[in-house]
Amino acid sequence: MGKIPPWIRLSLTTDQDFNKVCGLTSDMTLHTVCESARCPNRHECWNKGTATLMLLGDVCTRNCSFCAIQTGRPPAVDEDEPRRVALATKQMRLRHVVLTSVTRDDLPDGGARIFADTIRAIRRECPAITVEVLTPDFRGNAAALHQVLDAGPDVFSHNLETVKRLQRPIRRAATYERSLDVLRNAAAWEPPPAVKSGLMVGLGETPEELLQAMHDLWEAGCRILTLGQYLRPTRHNIPVERFVEPAEFDEYAEKARAMGFVAVAAGPMVRSSYKAEELWNMYSISVPPLSPARSP
């Protein structure tokens, strides 16, 4: 793919809040997906004093072709990590925190217990905070997923990432239906969290395929949706097939809202955790309808 178009611009300015987030995560030996995945929005988010904290280390057991996180043999589980994450969350004075992780297929529960322990630790330190989790698929292990849901996250997110046809080349160890099953399971939980997912564009999908994926997410119970441009993080990752113009993102957002999505963020620089608090606020002031699968 050729030159990056003019509508994609990165802010590299830093201020006091940027340094505060950077210092806290470094001092407490915590990882952020902002750094590990080379997120283009990390300067903007950190300048606002927000970050997506990554649990279970920074080495992933999978090797997805779009992702910059290193792959290999992860270290042992850090049992003190939930406490440190909760303390960092308190010191950053966050109103809304996003927790994600590398995929840990080496663990029987995929790391679900650490997610649950971290949610509960944050609740103890910051009772008023809203907690969002962005989890892997846990290899379809329903018991592992239920551990996370039982801890009571306000938002449960799992990314479908791309359309059905492109799953194998983009997400080599994941499947389209497994991801939809994870979201269905979360939507059926009582009490249900807000269910969220994200899709990348520019990987070679057609508009029709993208709309079908959006429809499938709606049918699975997803009510918060993010759509963003795939940007190749390193030369080792799959190349960009097309840069989608902002006007086309606006069209997709309108169609998503027409389908019934309650909160939608769509744009070239949107990522799954970008403006997560704003999307939560949009969701929380609206009462989403039951998905067709859950209607009486």
Protein backbone atom coordinates (compact mmCIF):
# COMPACT_ATOMS: atom_id res chain seq x y z
CA MET A 1 0.00 0.00 0.00
CA GLY A 2 1.18 3.51 -0.77
CA LYS A 3 1.58 6.68 1.22
CA ILE A 4 -0.50 7.26 4.36
CA PRO A 5 -3.32 9.67 3.44
CA PRO A 6 -3.60 13.16 4.92
CA TRP A 7 -6.64 12.35 7.08
CA ILE A 8 -4.52 10.06 9.26
CA ARG A 9 -2.55 12.19 11.67
CA LEU A 10 -0.81 11.22 14.90
CA SER A 11 -0.38 13.54 17.87
CA LEU A 12 3.01 13.13 19.51
CA THR A 13 2.76 15.94 22.05
CA THR A 14 3.10 15.10 25.72
CA ASP A 15 2.06 16.85 28.91
CA GLN A 16 1.96 16.22 32.66
CA ASP A 17 -0.73 13.51 32.49
CA PHE A 18 1.22 11.63 29.81
CA ASN A 19 4.27 11.52 32.06
CA LYS A 20 2.12 10.52 35.05
CA VAL A 21 0.62 7.50 33.28
CA CYS A 22 3.99 6.51 31.86
CA GLY A 23 5.66 6.83 35.25
CA LEU A 24 3.01 4.88 37.15
CA THR A 25 2.96 1.92 34.80
CA SER A 26 6.74 1.81 34.77
CA ASP A 27 7.14 2.10 38.55
CA MET A 28 4.59 -0.66 39.19
CA THR A 29 5.92 -2.95 36.45
CA LEU A 30 2.65 -2.87 34.55
CA HIS A 31 2.08 -3.19 30.83
CA THR A 32 -0.24 -1.19 28.61
CA VAL A 33 -1.63 -2.33 25.29
CA CYS A 34 -1.00 1.26 24.21
CA GLU A 35 2.75 0.55 24.17
CA SER A 36 2.87 -3.16 23.41
CA ALA A 37 0.50 -2.94 20.43
CA ARG A 38 1.99 0.39 19.28
CA CYS A 39 -1.39 2.10 19.40
CA PRO A 40 -1.34 5.36 17.39
CA ASN A 41 -3.57 7.09 19.98
CA ARG A 42 -1.40 6.50 23.02
CA HIS A 43 -0.18 10.11 23.22
CA GLU A 44 -3.73 11.47 23.06
CA CYS A 45 -5.07 9.03 25.65
CA TRP A 46 -2.14 9.34 28.03
CA ASN A 47 -2.34 13.13 27.84
CA LYS A 48 -5.89 12.70 29.18
CA GLY A 49 -4.64 10.48 32.00
CA THR A 50 -6.16 7.27 30.62
CA ALA A 51 -4.65 3.97 29.54
CA THR A 52 -5.67 0.42 28.74
CA LEU A 53 -3.84 -1.82 31.19
CA MET A 54 -2.65 -5.17 29.89
CA LEU A 55 -2.70 -8.13 32.24
CA LEU A 56 -0.68 -11.35 32.22
CA GLY A 57 2.54 -9.92 30.85
CA ASP A 58 3.44 -8.71 27.38
CA VAL A 59 4.18 -11.98 25.56
CA CYS A 60 1.33 -13.58 23.62
CA THR A 61 0.94 -17.25 22.77
CA ARG A 62 -0.67 -16.42 19.42
CA ASN A 63 0.77 -14.77 16.34
CA CYS A 64 -1.99 -12.77 14.67
CA SER A 65 -0.82 -11.15 11.46
CA PHE A 66 -2.18 -7.68 12.33
CA CYS A 67 -0.75 -7.40 15.85
CA ALA A 68 2.58 -5.99 17.07
CA ILE A 69 2.60 -7.68 20.48
CA GLN A 70 5.53 -10.06 20.78
CA THR A 71 4.87 -13.78 20.52
CA GLY A 72 6.63 -16.49 22.48
CA ARG A 73 6.64 -18.36 25.76
CA PRO A 74 5.10 -16.12 28.45
CA PRO A 75 6.49 -15.86 31.98
CA ALA A 76 4.75 -17.31 35.02
CA VAL A 77 1.57 -15.60 36.18
CA ASP A 78 2.24 -12.62 38.45
CA GLU A 79 -0.11 -13.15 41.38
CA ASP A 80 0.48 -9.62 42.69
CA GLU A 81 -0.54 -7.96 39.44
CA PRO A 82 -4.22 -7.40 40.38
CA ARG A 83 -3.20 -5.46 43.48
CA ARG A 84 -0.77 -3.24 41.55
CA VAL A 85 -3.30 -2.58 38.79
CA ALA A 86 -5.90 -1.55 41.37
CA LEU A 87 -3.42 0.77 43.07
CA ALA A 88 -2.39 2.35 39.76
CA THR A 89 -6.04 2.84 38.84
CA LYS A 90 -6.64 4.61 42.15
CA GLN A 91 -3.58 6.82 41.79
CA MET A 92 -4.56 7.80 38.24
CA ARG A 93 -8.00 8.77 39.59
CA LEU A 94 -9.75 7.09 36.71
CA ARG A 95 -13.52 7.07 36.34
CA HIS A 96 -13.43 4.25 33.78
CA VAL A 97 -10.70 1.66 33.43
CA VAL A 98 -10.08 -0.78 30.58
CA LEU A 99 -8.38 -4.10 31.27
CA THR A 100 -7.11 -6.32 28.49
CA SER A 101 -4.49 -9.05 28.19
CA VAL A 102 -2.30 -10.99 25.87
CA THR A 103 -3.74 -14.36 24.89
CA ARG A 104 -2.51 -17.05 27.28
CA ASP A 105 -3.34 -20.39 25.68
CA ASP A 106 -0.69 -21.90 27.95
CA LEU A 107 -2.97 -21.47 30.98
CA PRO A 108 -5.90 -23.85 31.63
CA ASP A 109 -8.29 -20.91 32.16
CA GLY A 110 -6.61 -18.59 29.65
CA GLY A 111 -5.92 -16.10 32.44
CA ALA A 112 -9.58 -15.63 33.39
CA ARG A 113 -8.84 -15.77 37.12
CA ILE A 114 -6.43 -12.85 36.90
CA PHE A 115 -9.09 -10.82 35.08
CA ALA A 116 -11.60 -11.63 37.83
CA ASP A 117 -9.13 -10.94 40.67
CA THR A 118 -8.19 -7.60 39.09
CA ILE A 119 -11.82 -6.50 38.70
CA ARG A 120 -12.49 -7.28 42.36
CA ALA A 121 -9.28 -5.58 43.51
CA ILE A 122 -10.24 -2.42 41.60
CA ARG A 123 -13.74 -2.48 43.10
CA ARG A 124 -12.22 -2.56 46.58
CA GLU A 125 -9.92 0.38 45.90
CA CYS A 126 -12.29 2.42 43.70
CA PRO A 127 -15.94 1.48 44.40
CA ALA A 128 -17.37 4.12 42.05
CA ILE A 129 -15.28 3.27 39.00
CA THR A 130 -16.70 1.55 35.92
CA VAL A 131 -14.67 -1.40 34.69
CA GLU A 132 -14.34 -2.55 31.10
CA VAL A 133 -12.63 -5.77 30.08
CA LEU A 134 -11.38 -6.65 26.62
CA THR A 135 -10.70 -10.37 26.73
CA PRO A 136 -9.35 -13.08 24.45
CA ASP A 137 -11.65 -15.94 23.47
CA PHE A 138 -10.34 -18.33 26.19
CA ARG A 139 -10.37 -21.00 23.45
CA GLY A 140 -14.13 -21.21 23.88
CA ASN A 141 -13.88 -22.27 27.54
CA ALA A 142 -17.26 -21.18 28.94
CA ALA A 143 -16.22 -21.78 32.56
CA ALA A 144 -13.27 -19.42 32.13
CA LEU A 145 -15.48 -16.77 30.57
CA HIS A 146 -17.95 -17.13 33.43
CA GLN A 147 -15.17 -16.42 35.94
CA VAL A 148 -14.71 -13.01 34.35
CA LEU A 149 -18.42 -12.28 34.06
CA ASP A 150 -19.06 -13.34 37.66
CA ALA A 151 -16.68 -10.57 38.80
CA GLY A 152 -19.16 -8.07 37.36
CA PRO A 153 -17.47 -5.93 34.69
CA ASP A 154 -19.65 -3.06 33.50
CA VAL A 155 -18.51 -3.57 29.90
CA PHE A 156 -17.48 -6.88 28.40
CA SER A 157 -15.59 -6.56 25.13
CA HIS A 158 -14.18 -9.12 22.74
CA ASN A 159 -13.08 -8.13 19.27
CA LEU A 160 -14.27 -9.91 16.15
CA GLU A 161 -11.50 -7.94 14.37
CA THR A 162 -12.44 -8.70 10.76
CA VAL A 163 -15.01 -10.25 8.46
CA LYS A 164 -15.65 -13.98 8.25
CA ARG A 165 -13.68 -14.59 5.04
CA LEU A 166 -10.52 -13.00 6.42
CA GLN A 167 -10.45 -14.66 9.83
CA ARG A 168 -7.89 -17.35 9.00
CA PRO A 169 -5.19 -15.07 7.49
CA ILE A 170 -5.75 -12.33 10.10
CA ARG A 171 -6.50 -14.29 13.31
CA ARG A 172 -4.69 -17.58 12.83
CA ALA A 173 -5.72 -19.29 16.07
CA ALA A 174 -9.21 -17.78 16.42
CA THR A 175 -12.49 -18.38 14.64
CA TYR A 176 -15.41 -16.20 13.66
CA GLU A 177 -18.05 -18.38 15.32
CA ARG A 178 -16.05 -18.84 18.51
CA SER A 179 -15.80 -15.08 18.94
CA LEU A 180 -19.52 -14.66 18.31
CA ASP A 181 -20.21 -17.41 20.87
CA VAL A 182 -18.13 -15.52 23.45
CA LEU A 183 -20.22 -12.40 22.87
CA ARG A 184 -23.51 -14.37 22.96
CA ASN A 185 -22.48 -15.92 26.25
CA ALA A 186 -21.70 -12.51 27.73
CA ALA A 187 -24.98 -11.04 26.49
CA ALA A 188 -26.92 -13.89 28.09
CA TRP A 189 -25.27 -13.40 31.50
CA GLU A 190 -27.43 -12.11 34.34
CA PRO A 191 -27.18 -9.30 35.06
CA PRO A 192 -25.85 -8.58 31.57
CA PRO A 193 -22.89 -6.28 31.07
CA ALA A 194 -22.74 -3.89 28.15
CA VAL A 195 -21.37 -6.04 25.32
CA LYS A 196 -18.87 -4.48 22.94
CA SER A 197 -16.79 -5.50 19.94
CA GLY A 198 -14.49 -3.98 17.36
CA LEU A 199 -13.74 -4.39 13.66
CA MET A 200 -10.80 -3.23 11.57
CA VAL A 201 -11.22 -2.08 7.97
CA GLY A 202 -8.73 -1.82 5.14
CA LEU A 203 -7.74 -5.50 5.21
CA GLY A 204 -9.42 -6.40 1.93
CA GLU A 205 -13.01 -6.82 3.13
CA THR A 206 -15.93 -5.70 0.97
CA PRO A 207 -18.61 -3.30 2.27
CA GLU A 208 -21.13 -6.13 2.10
CA GLU A 209 -18.91 -8.39 4.20
CA LEU A 210 -18.40 -5.65 6.76
CA LEU A 211 -22.14 -5.01 7.06
CA GLN A 212 -22.72 -8.74 7.51
CA ALA A 213 -20.16 -8.84 10.31
CA MET A 214 -21.88 -5.89 11.97
CA HIS A 215 -25.23 -7.67 11.67
CA ASP A 216 -23.73 -10.85 13.15
CA LEU A 217 -22.41 -8.85 16.10
CA TRP A 218 -25.85 -7.34 16.67
CA GLU A 219 -27.46 -10.78 16.58
CA ALA A 220 -24.90 -11.97 19.15
CA GLY A 221 -26.03 -9.28 21.60
CA CYS A 222 -23.32 -6.69 20.98
CA ARG A 223 -24.55 -3.10 21.52
CA ILE A 224 -21.32 -1.08 21.48
CA LEU A 225 -19.25 -1.09 18.29
CA THR A 226 -15.91 0.35 17.21
CA LEU A 227 -14.72 0.56 13.61
CA GLY A 228 -11.19 1.69 12.80
CA GLN A 229 -8.61 1.71 10.05
CA TYR A 230 -6.01 -1.03 10.19
CA LEU A 231 -2.53 0.49 10.23
CA ARG A 232 0.44 -1.81 9.73
CA PRO A 233 2.43 -1.59 12.98
CA THR A 234 5.64 -3.15 11.63
CA ARG A 235 6.97 -4.43 8.31
CA HIS A 236 6.43 -7.97 9.63
CA ASN A 237 2.65 -7.48 9.81
CA ILE A 238 0.14 -7.89 7.04
CA PRO A 239 0.05 -4.83 4.74
CA VAL A 240 -2.86 -2.40 4.43
CA GLU A 241 -5.06 -3.14 1.42
CA ARG A 242 -6.96 0.15 1.43
CA PHE A 243 -7.24 3.38 3.38
CA VAL A 244 -10.91 4.06 4.07
CA GLU A 245 -11.95 7.71 3.85
CA PRO A 246 -13.65 9.45 6.81
CA ALA A 247 -16.92 9.86 4.90
CA GLU A 248 -17.16 6.09 4.46
CA PHE A 249 -16.63 5.59 8.20
CA ASP A 250 -19.52 8.01 8.79
CA GLU A 251 -21.72 5.91 6.52
CA TYR A 252 -20.84 2.73 8.39
CA ALA A 253 -21.58 4.44 11.71
CA GLU A 254 -25.02 5.52 10.47
CA LYS A 255 -25.79 2.00 9.30
CA ALA A 256 -24.64 0.55 12.64
CA ARG A 257 -26.96 2.90 14.54
CA ALA A 258 -29.79 1.99 12.17
CA MET A 259 -29.19 -1.69 13.04
CA GLY A 260 -29.68 -0.80 16.70
CA PHE A 261 -26.18 -0.34 18.10
CA VAL A 262 -26.47 2.02 21.06
CA ALA A 263 -22.94 3.45 21.01
CA VAL A 264 -20.71 3.59 17.94
CA ALA A 265 -17.24 4.99 17.32
CA ALA A 266 -16.08 4.87 13.71
CA GLY A 267 -13.12 6.63 12.14
CA PRO A 268 -9.61 6.19 10.79
CA MET A 269 -7.95 6.47 14.22
CA VAL A 270 -10.58 4.62 16.28
CA ARG A 271 -9.33 1.59 18.21
CA SER A 272 -11.26 -0.83 20.40
CA SER A 273 -10.49 1.04 23.64
CA TYR A 274 -10.41 4.54 22.15
CA LYS A 275 -12.75 6.91 24.02
CA ALA A 276 -14.03 3.93 25.98
CA GLU A 277 -15.48 6.10 28.72
CA GLU A 278 -17.44 8.19 26.21
CA LEU A 279 -18.91 5.07 24.63
CA TRP A 280 -19.84 3.73 28.06
CA ASN A 281 -21.58 7.02 28.87
CA MET A 282 -23.50 6.86 25.59
CA TYR A 283 -24.58 3.33 26.40
CA SER A 284 -25.45 3.96 30.04
CA ILE A 285 -27.96 6.73 29.29
CA SER A 286 -29.86 4.46 26.92
CA VAL A 287 -31.63 1.19 27.71
CA PRO A 288 -30.65 -1.26 24.96
CA PRO A 289 -33.33 -3.60 23.62
CA LEU A 290 -33.02 -7.34 24.07
CA SER A 291 -31.24 -9.10 21.25
CA PRO A 292 -33.44 -11.37 19.10
CA ALA A 293 -31.87 -14.46 20.72
CA ARG A 294 -32.92 -13.26 24.17
CA SER A 295 -36.35 -11.85 23.37
CA PRO A 296 -39.22 -13.52 25.27
